[in-house]
C-alpha cells in the first residue's frame, strides 16, 4: 500500500517541478527582455526627438512659405 502512494507523490512532485521550472525559465526570459528594452529606451527617445524636431522644422518652413505666398497675393502686382 505504501508503494502506490509514494508513486503518486513522486509523480506530483515531478509535475510540480516541471511547472516551476518552466515558470522560472519564462520569468528569466522576461527579465532579460525587460533589461534589454530598458537599456535601449534612451537611444530610441533621442531618435524620436530628433525626428520630431526635423518634422516641425519642415512644417515651419512650409507655413512660412504659405504666409509669404498669401502676403504676396494680398499685395498683388498693381
PDB file of N, CA and C in Angstrom:
ATOM      1  N   UNK A   1       0.815  -1.190   0.000  1.00  0.00           N
ATOM      2  CA  UNK A   1       0.000   0.000   0.000  1.00  0.00           C
ATOM      3  C   UNK A   1       0.859   1.255   0.000  1.00  0.00           C
ATOM      4  N   UNK A   2       2.049   1.192   0.501  1.00  0.00           N
ATOM      5  CA  UNK A   2       2.918   2.358   0.531  1.00  0.00           C
ATOM      6  C   UNK A   2       3.461   2.710  -0.845  1.00  0.00           C
ATOM      7  N   UNK A   3       3.622   1.725  -1.689  1.00  0.00           N
ATOM      8  CA  UNK A   3       4.223   1.990  -2.997  1.00  0.00           C
ATOM      9  C   UNK A   3       3.321   2.847  -3.895  1.00  0.00           C
ATOM     10  N   UNK A   4       2.020   2.606  -3.988  1.00  0.00           N
ATOM     11  CA  UNK A   4       1.189   3.472  -4.836  1.00  0.00           C
ATOM     12  C   UNK A   4       1.176   4.923  -4.344  1.00  0.00           C
ATOM     13  N   UNK A   5       1.147   5.133  -3.045  1.00  0.00           N
ATOM     14  CA  UNK A   5       1.145   6.490  -2.500  1.00  0.00           C
ATOM     15  C   UNK A   5       2.473   7.172  -2.820  1.00  0.00           C
ATOM     16  N   UNK A   6       3.561   6.450  -2.667  1.00  0.00           N
ATOM     17  CA  UNK A   6       4.874   7.017  -2.967  1.00  0.00           C
ATOM     18  C   UNK A   6       4.984   7.337  -4.457  1.00  0.00           C
ATOM     19  N   UNK A   7       4.450   6.479  -5.298  1.00  0.00           N
ATOM     20  CA  UNK A   7       4.499   6.714  -6.734  1.00  0.00           C
ATOM     21  C   UNK A   7       3.681   7.947  -7.104  1.00  0.00           C
ATOM     22  N   UNK A   8       2.495   8.073  -6.511  1.00  0.00           N
ATOM     23  CA  UNK A   8       1.645   9.230  -6.788  1.00  0.00           C
ATOM     24  C   UNK A   8       2.329  10.511  -6.306  1.00  0.00           C
ATOM     25  N   UNK A   9       2.909  10.472  -5.119  1.00  0.00           N
ATOM     26  CA  UNK A   9       3.604  11.648  -4.599  1.00  0.00           C
ATOM     27  C   UNK A   9       4.809  12.006  -5.464  1.00  0.00           C
ATOM     28  N   UNK A  10       5.509  11.002  -5.958  1.00  0.00           N
ATOM     29  CA  UNK A  10       6.647  11.236  -6.834  1.00  0.00           C
ATOM     30  C   UNK A  10       6.199  11.884  -8.145  1.00  0.00           C
ATOM     31  N   UNK A  11       5.112  11.389  -8.710  1.00  0.00           N
ATOM     32  CA  UNK A  11       4.589  11.966  -9.953  1.00  0.00           C
ATOM     33  C   UNK A  11       4.133  13.412  -9.731  1.00  0.00           C
ATOM     34  N   UNK A  12       3.452  13.644  -8.630  1.00  0.00           N
ATOM     35  CA  UNK A  12       3.010  15.012  -8.319  1.00  0.00           C
ATOM     36  C   UNK A  12       4.215  15.924  -8.148  1.00  0.00           C
ATOM     37  N   UNK A  13       5.249  15.457  -7.472  1.00  0.00           N
ATOM     38  CA  UNK A  13       6.457  16.248  -7.284  1.00  0.00           C
ATOM     39  C   UNK A  13       7.148  16.565  -8.599  1.00  0.00           C
ATOM     40  N   UNK A  14       7.212  15.577  -9.494  1.00  0.00           N
ATOM     41  CA  UNK A  14       7.839  15.802 -10.803  1.00  0.00           C
ATOM     42  C   UNK A  14       7.034  16.813 -11.613  1.00  0.00           C
ATOM     43  N   UNK A  15       5.718  16.676 -11.605  1.00  0.00           N
ATOM     44  CA  UNK A  15       4.866  17.611 -12.346  1.00  0.00           C
ATOM     45  C   UNK A  15       5.022  19.027 -11.792  1.00  0.00           C
ATOM     46  N   UNK A  16       5.022  19.150 -10.468  1.00  0.00           N
ATOM     47  CA  UNK A  16       5.188  20.476  -9.865  1.00  0.00           C
ATOM     48  C   UNK A  16       6.570  21.041 -10.173  1.00  0.00           C
ATOM     49  N   UNK A  17       7.576  20.195 -10.206  1.00  0.00           N
ATOM     50  CA  UNK A  17       8.925  20.642 -10.555  1.00  0.00           C
ATOM     51  C   UNK A  17       9.017  21.127 -11.990  1.00  0.00           C
ATOM     52  N   UNK A  18       8.371  20.420 -12.901  1.00  0.00           N
ATOM     53  CA  UNK A  18       8.367  20.836 -14.309  1.00  0.00           C
ATOM     54  C   UNK A  18       7.652  22.179 -14.465  1.00  0.00           C
ATOM     55  N   UNK A  19       6.510  22.324 -13.797  1.00  0.00           N
ATOM     56  CA  UNK A  19       5.760  23.583 -13.876  1.00  0.00           C
ATOM     57  C   UNK A  19       6.586  24.723 -13.289  1.00  0.00           C
ATOM     58  N   UNK A  20       7.216  24.488 -12.145  1.00  0.00           N
ATOM     59  CA  UNK A  20       8.037  25.527 -11.523  1.00  0.00           C
ATOM     60  C   UNK A  20       9.244  25.862 -12.404  1.00  0.00           C
ATOM     61  N   UNK A  21       9.838  24.870 -13.020  1.00  0.00           N
ATOM     62  CA  UNK A  21      10.978  25.113 -13.898  1.00  0.00           C
ATOM     63  C   UNK A  21      10.608  25.922 -15.118  1.00  0.00           C
ATOM     64  N   UNK A  22       9.481  25.596 -15.712  1.00  0.00           N
ATOM     65  CA  UNK A  22       9.024  26.365 -16.880  1.00  0.00           C
ATOM     66  C   UNK A  22       8.689  27.793 -16.486  1.00  0.00           C
ATOM     67  N   UNK A  23       8.082  27.973 -15.318  1.00  0.00           N
ATOM     68  CA  UNK A  23       7.769  29.321 -14.837  1.00  0.00           C
ATOM     69  C   UNK A  23       9.050  30.117 -14.597  1.00  0.00           C
ATOM     70  N   UNK A  24      10.042  29.471 -14.021  1.00  0.00           N
ATOM     71  CA  UNK A  24      11.328  30.126 -13.775  1.00  0.00           C
ATOM     72  C   UNK A  24      11.991  30.529 -15.097  1.00  0.00           C
ATOM     73  N   UNK A  25      11.961  29.649 -16.084  1.00  0.00           N
ATOM     74  CA  UNK A  25      12.562  29.955 -17.382  1.00  0.00           C
ATOM     75  C   UNK A  25      11.839  31.121 -18.054  1.00  0.00           C
ATOM     76  N   UNK A  26      10.524  31.147 -17.965  1.00  0.00           N
ATOM     77  CA  UNK A  26       9.744  32.241 -18.542  1.00  0.00           C
ATOM     78  C   UNK A  26      10.063  33.554 -17.845  1.00  0.00           C
ATOM     79  N   UNK A  27      10.162  33.510 -16.524  1.00  0.00           N
ATOM     80  CA  UNK A  27      10.472  34.726 -15.761  1.00  0.00           C
ATOM     81  C   UNK A  27      11.873  35.229 -16.097  1.00  0.00           C
ATOM     82  N   UNK A  28      12.834  34.348 -16.247  1.00  0.00           N
ATOM     83  CA  UNK A  28      14.198  34.757 -16.597  1.00  0.00           C
ATOM     84  C   UNK A  28      14.224  35.390 -17.990  1.00  0.00           C
ATOM     85  N   UNK A  29      13.503  34.811 -18.927  1.00  0.00           N
ATOM     86  CA  UNK A  29      13.448  35.359 -20.286  1.00  0.00           C
ATOM     87  C   UNK A  29      12.796  36.738 -20.278  1.00  0.00           C
ATOM     88  N   UNK A  30      11.711  36.879 -19.526  1.00  0.00           N
ATOM     89  CA  UNK A  30      11.025  38.169 -19.444  1.00  0.00           C
ATOM     90  C   UNK A  30      11.930  39.220 -18.810  1.00  0.00           C
ATOM     91  N   UNK A  31      12.678  38.848 -17.791  1.00  0.00           N
ATOM     92  CA  UNK A  31      13.578  39.792 -17.136  1.00  0.00           C
ATOM     93  C   UNK A  31      14.685  40.223 -18.101  1.00  0.00           C
ATOM     94  N   UNK A  32      15.197  39.296 -18.863  1.00  0.00           N
ATOM     95  CA  UNK A  32      16.218  39.632 -19.859  1.00  0.00           C
ATOM     96  C   UNK A  32      15.686  40.576 -20.923  1.00  0.00           C
ATOM     97  N   UNK A  33      14.484  40.302 -21.408  1.00  0.00           N
ATOM     98  CA  UNK A  33      13.862  41.187 -22.399  1.00  0.00           C
ATOM     99  C   UNK A  33      13.638  42.581 -21.821  1.00  0.00           C
ATOM    100  N   UNK A  34      13.216  42.629 -20.569  1.00  0.00           N
ATOM    101  CA  UNK A  34      12.965  43.905 -19.896  1.00  0.00           C
ATOM    102  C   UNK A  34      14.249  44.721 -19.792  1.00  0.00           C
ATOM    103  N   UNK A  35      15.343  44.100 -19.385  1.00  0.00           N
ATOM    104  CA  UNK A  35      16.590  44.845 -19.227  1.00  0.00           C
ATOM    105  C   UNK A  35      17.121  45.331 -20.575  1.00  0.00           C
ATOM    106  N   UNK A  36      16.983  44.526 -21.628  1.00  0.00           N
ATOM    107  CA  UNK A  36      17.431  44.955 -22.955  1.00  0.00           C
ATOM    108  C   UNK A  36      16.590  46.133 -23.436  1.00  0.00           C
ATOM    109  N   UNK A  37      15.286  46.043 -23.253  1.00  0.00           N
ATOM    110  CA  UNK A  37      14.392  47.123 -23.682  1.00  0.00           C
ATOM    111  C   UNK A  37      14.655  48.394 -22.887  1.00  0.00           C
ATOM    112  N   UNK A  38      14.842  48.252 -21.580  1.00  0.00           N
ATOM    113  CA  UNK A  38      15.101  49.415 -20.739  1.00  0.00           C
ATOM    114  C   UNK A  38      16.399  50.105 -21.146  1.00  0.00           C
ATOM    115  N   UNK A  39      17.395  49.338 -21.524  1.00  0.00           N
ATOM    116  CA  UNK A  39      18.673  49.925 -21.941  1.00  0.00           C
ATOM    117  C   UNK A  39      18.561  50.640 -23.281  1.00  0.00           C
ATOM    118  N   UNK A  40      17.654  50.199 -24.148  1.00  0.00           N
ATOM    119  CA  UNK A  40      17.543  50.799 -25.473  1.00  0.00           C
ATOM    120  C   UNK A  40      16.602  52.008 -25.508  1.00  0.00           C
ATOM    121  N   UNK A  41      15.860  52.258 -24.448  1.00  0.00           N
ATOM    122  CA  UNK A  41      14.886  53.358 -24.447  1.00  0.00           C
ATOM    123  C   UNK A  41      15.545  54.720 -24.654  1.00  0.00           C
ATOM    124  N   UNK A  42      16.653  55.063 -23.971  1.00  0.00           N
ATOM    125  CA  UNK A  42      17.231  56.397 -24.205  1.00  0.00           C
ATOM    126  C   UNK A  42      17.639  56.626 -25.658  1.00  0.00           C
ATOM    127  N   UNK A  43      18.168  55.610 -26.306  1.00  0.00           N
ATOM    128  CA  UNK A  43      18.558  55.756 -27.717  1.00  0.00           C
ATOM    129  C   UNK A  43      17.327  56.025 -28.577  1.00  0.00           C
ATOM    130  N   UNK A  44      16.256  55.273 -28.337  1.00  0.00           N
ATOM    131  CA  UNK A  44      15.038  55.469 -29.119  1.00  0.00           C
ATOM    132  C   UNK A  44      14.392  56.821 -28.818  1.00  0.00           C
ATOM    133  N   UNK A  45      14.461  57.255 -27.570  1.00  0.00           N
ATOM    134  CA  UNK A  45      13.890  58.552 -27.206  1.00  0.00           C
ATOM    135  C   UNK A  45      14.651  59.668 -27.924  1.00  0.00           C
ATOM    136  N   UNK A  46      15.975  59.577 -27.960  1.00  0.00           N
ATOM    137  CA  UNK A  46      16.783  60.589 -28.636  1.00  0.00           C
ATOM    138  C   UNK A  46      16.461  60.614 -30.125  1.00  0.00           C
ATOM    139  N   UNK A  47      16.324  59.448 -30.732  1.00  0.00           N
ATOM    140  CA  UNK A  47      15.983  59.366 -32.149  1.00  0.00           C
ATOM    141  C   UNK A  47      14.596  59.956 -32.406  1.00  0.00           C
ATOM    142  N   UNK A  48      13.643  59.650 -31.538  1.00  0.00           N
ATOM    143  CA  UNK A  48      12.283  60.163 -31.712  1.00  0.00           C
ATOM    144  C   UNK A  48      12.257  61.682 -31.631  1.00  0.00           C
ATOM    145  N   UNK A  49      12.984  62.258 -30.663  1.00  0.00           N
ATOM    146  CA  UNK A  49      13.010  63.717 -30.554  1.00  0.00           C
ATOM    147  C   UNK A  49      13.684  64.340 -31.761  1.00  0.00           C
ATOM    148  N   UNK A  50      14.721  63.713 -32.284  1.00  0.00           N
ATOM    149  CA  UNK A  50      15.377  64.222 -33.484  1.00  0.00           C
ATOM    150  C   UNK A  50      14.444  64.226 -34.685  1.00  0.00           C
ATOM    151  N   UNK A  51      13.683  63.149 -34.833  1.00  0.00           N
ATOM    152  CA  UNK A  51      12.724  63.077 -35.938  1.00  0.00           C
ATOM    153  C   UNK A  51      11.605  64.096 -35.776  1.00  0.00           C
ATOM    154  N   UNK A  52      11.148  64.294 -34.547  1.00  0.00           N
ATOM    155  CA  UNK A  52      10.098  65.297 -34.310  1.00  0.00           C
ATOM    156  C   UNK A  52      10.623  66.698 -34.615  1.00  0.00           C
ATOM    157  N   UNK A  53      11.855  66.981 -34.217  1.00  0.00           N
ATOM    158  CA  UNK A  53      12.453  68.282 -34.479  1.00  0.00           C
ATOM    159  C   UNK A  53      12.543  68.528 -35.988  1.00  0.00           C
ATOM    160  N   UNK A  54      12.959  67.518 -36.737  1.00  0.00           N
ATOM    161  CA  UNK A  54      13.047  67.658 -38.196  1.00  0.00           C
ATOM    162  C   UNK A  54      11.670  67.886 -38.807  1.00  0.00           C
ATOM    163  N   UNK A  55      10.665  67.161 -38.323  1.00  0.00           N
ATOM    164  CA  UNK A  55       9.309  67.327 -38.860  1.00  0.00           C
ATOM    165  C   UNK A  55       8.768  68.725 -38.573  1.00  0.00           C
ATOM    166  N   UNK A  56       8.975  69.227 -37.351  1.00  0.00           N
ATOM    167  CA  UNK A  56       8.496  70.561 -37.018  1.00  0.00           C
ATOM    168  C   UNK A  56       9.247  71.631 -37.792  1.00  0.00           C
ATOM    169  N   UNK A  57      10.520  71.427 -38.032  1.00  0.00           N
ATOM    170  CA  UNK A  57      11.293  72.392 -38.813  1.00  0.00           C
ATOM    171  C   UNK A  57      10.754  72.463 -40.240  1.00  0.00           C
ATOM    172  N   UNK A  58      10.537  71.312 -40.852  1.00  0.00           N
ATOM    173  CA  UNK A  58       9.997  71.288 -42.222  1.00  0.00           C
ATOM    174  C   UNK A  58       8.594  71.882 -42.258  1.00  0.00           C
ATOM    175  N   UNK A  59       7.774  71.566 -41.256  1.00  0.00           N
ATOM    176  CA  UNK A  59       6.432  72.139 -41.185  1.00  0.00           C
ATOM    177  C   UNK A  59       6.469  73.647 -41.026  1.00  0.00           C
ATOM    178  N   UNK A  60       7.402  74.147 -40.215  1.00  0.00           N
ATOM    179  CA  UNK A  60       7.540  75.600 -40.034  1.00  0.00           C
ATOM    180  C   UNK A  60       7.949  76.294 -41.321  1.00  0.00           C
ATOM    181  N   UNK A  61       8.845  75.653 -42.072  1.00  0.00           N
ATOM    182  CA  UNK A  61       9.257  76.231 -43.354  1.00  0.00           C
ATOM    183  C   UNK A  61       8.074  76.298 -44.319  1.00  0.00           C
ATOM    184  N   UNK A  62       7.275  75.241 -44.348  1.00  0.00           N
ATOM    185  CA  UNK A  62       6.089  75.228 -45.224  1.00  0.00           C
ATOM    186  C   UNK A  62       5.110  76.325 -44.817  1.00  0.00           C
ATOM    187  N   UNK A  63       4.894  76.505 -43.518  1.00  0.00           N
ATOM    188  CA  UNK A  63       3.984  77.553 -43.043  1.00  0.00           C
ATOM    189  C   UNK A  63       4.512  78.927 -43.439  1.00  0.00           C
ATOM    190  N   UNK A  64       5.814  79.143 -43.291  1.00  0.00           N
ATOM    191  CA  UNK A  64       6.384  80.440 -43.681  1.00  0.00           C
ATOM    192  C   UNK A  64       6.238  80.686 -45.171  1.00  0.00           C
ATOM    193  N   UNK A  65       6.435  79.670 -45.990  1.00  0.00           N
ATOM    194  CA  UNK A  65       6.258  79.816 -47.442  1.00  0.00           C
ATOM    195  C   UNK A  65       4.804  80.141 -47.768  1.00  0.00           C
ATOM    196  N   UNK A  66       3.870  79.485 -47.086  1.00  0.00           N
ATOM    197  CA  UNK A  66       2.448  79.759 -47.314  1.00  0.00           C
ATOM    198  C   UNK A  66       2.097  81.193 -46.900  1.00  0.00           C
ATOM    199  N   UNK A  67       2.637  81.656 -45.775  1.00  0.00           N
ATOM    200  CA  UNK A  67       2.368  83.025 -45.338  1.00  0.00           C
ATOM    201  C   UNK A  67       2.959  84.032 -46.322  1.00  0.00           C
ATOM    202  N   UNK A  68       4.147  83.750 -46.830  1.00  0.00           N
ATOM    203  CA  UNK A  68       4.749  84.644 -47.813  1.00  0.00           C
ATOM    204  C   UNK A  68       3.920  84.682 -49.092  1.00  0.00           C
ATOM    205  N   UNK A  69       3.415  83.522 -49.517  1.00  0.00           N
ATOM    206  CA  UNK A  69       2.576  83.481 -50.731  1.00  0.00           C
ATOM    207  C   UNK A  69       1.259  84.224 -50.500  1.00  0.00           C
ATOM    208  N   UNK A  70       0.692  84.097 -49.312  1.00  0.00           N
ATOM    209  CA  UNK A  70      -0.540  84.831 -49.016  1.00  0.00           C
ATOM    210  C   UNK A  70      -0.288  86.337 -48.997  1.00  0.00           C
ATOM    211  N   UNK A  71       0.828  86.729 -48.424  1.00  0.00           N
ATOM    212  CA  UNK A  71       1.177  88.151 -48.409  1.00  0.00           C
ATOM    213  C   UNK A  71       1.415  88.702 -49.794  1.00  0.00           C
ATOM    214  N   UNK A  72       2.084  87.942 -50.626  1.00  0.00           N
ATOM    215  CA  UNK A  72       2.342  88.337 -51.999  1.00  0.00           C
ATOM    216  C   UNK A  72       1.030  88.467 -52.780  1.00  0.00           C
ATOM    217  N   UNK A  73       0.109  87.495 -52.540  1.00  0.00           N
ATOM    218  CA  UNK A  73      -1.196  87.530 -53.220  1.00  0.00           C
ATOM    219  C   UNK A  73      -2.038  88.702 -52.715  1.00  0.00           C
ATOM    220  N   UNK A  74      -1.916  89.029 -51.450  1.00  0.00           N
ATOM    221  CA  UNK A  74      -2.714  90.126 -50.901  1.00  0.00           C
ATOM    222  C   UNK A  74      -2.237  91.474 -51.426  1.00  0.00           C
ATOM    223  N   UNK A  75      -0.935  91.646 -51.552  1.00  0.00           N
ATOM    224  CA  UNK A  75      -0.390  92.915 -52.037  1.00  0.00           C
ATOM    225  C   UNK A  75      -0.635  93.028 -53.542  1.00  0.00           C
ATOM    226  N   UNK A  76      -0.417  91.955 -54.272  1.00  0.00           N
ATOM    227  CA  UNK A  76      -0.664  91.951 -55.714  1.00  0.00           C
ATOM    228  C   UNK A  76       0.377  92.746 -56.473  1.00  0.00           C
ATOM    229  N   UNK A  77       0.323  92.652 -57.777  1.00  0.00           N
ATOM    230  CA  UNK A  77       1.223  93.398 -58.653  1.00  0.00           C
ATOM    231  C   UNK A  77       0.417  94.488 -59.353  1.00  0.00           C
ATOM    232  N   UNK A  78       0.255  95.652 -58.725  1.00  0.00           N
ATOM    233  CA  UNK A  78      -0.516  96.737 -59.331  1.00  0.00           C
ATOM    234  C   UNK A  78       0.360  97.595 -60.162  1.00  0.00           C
TER     235      UNK A  78
END
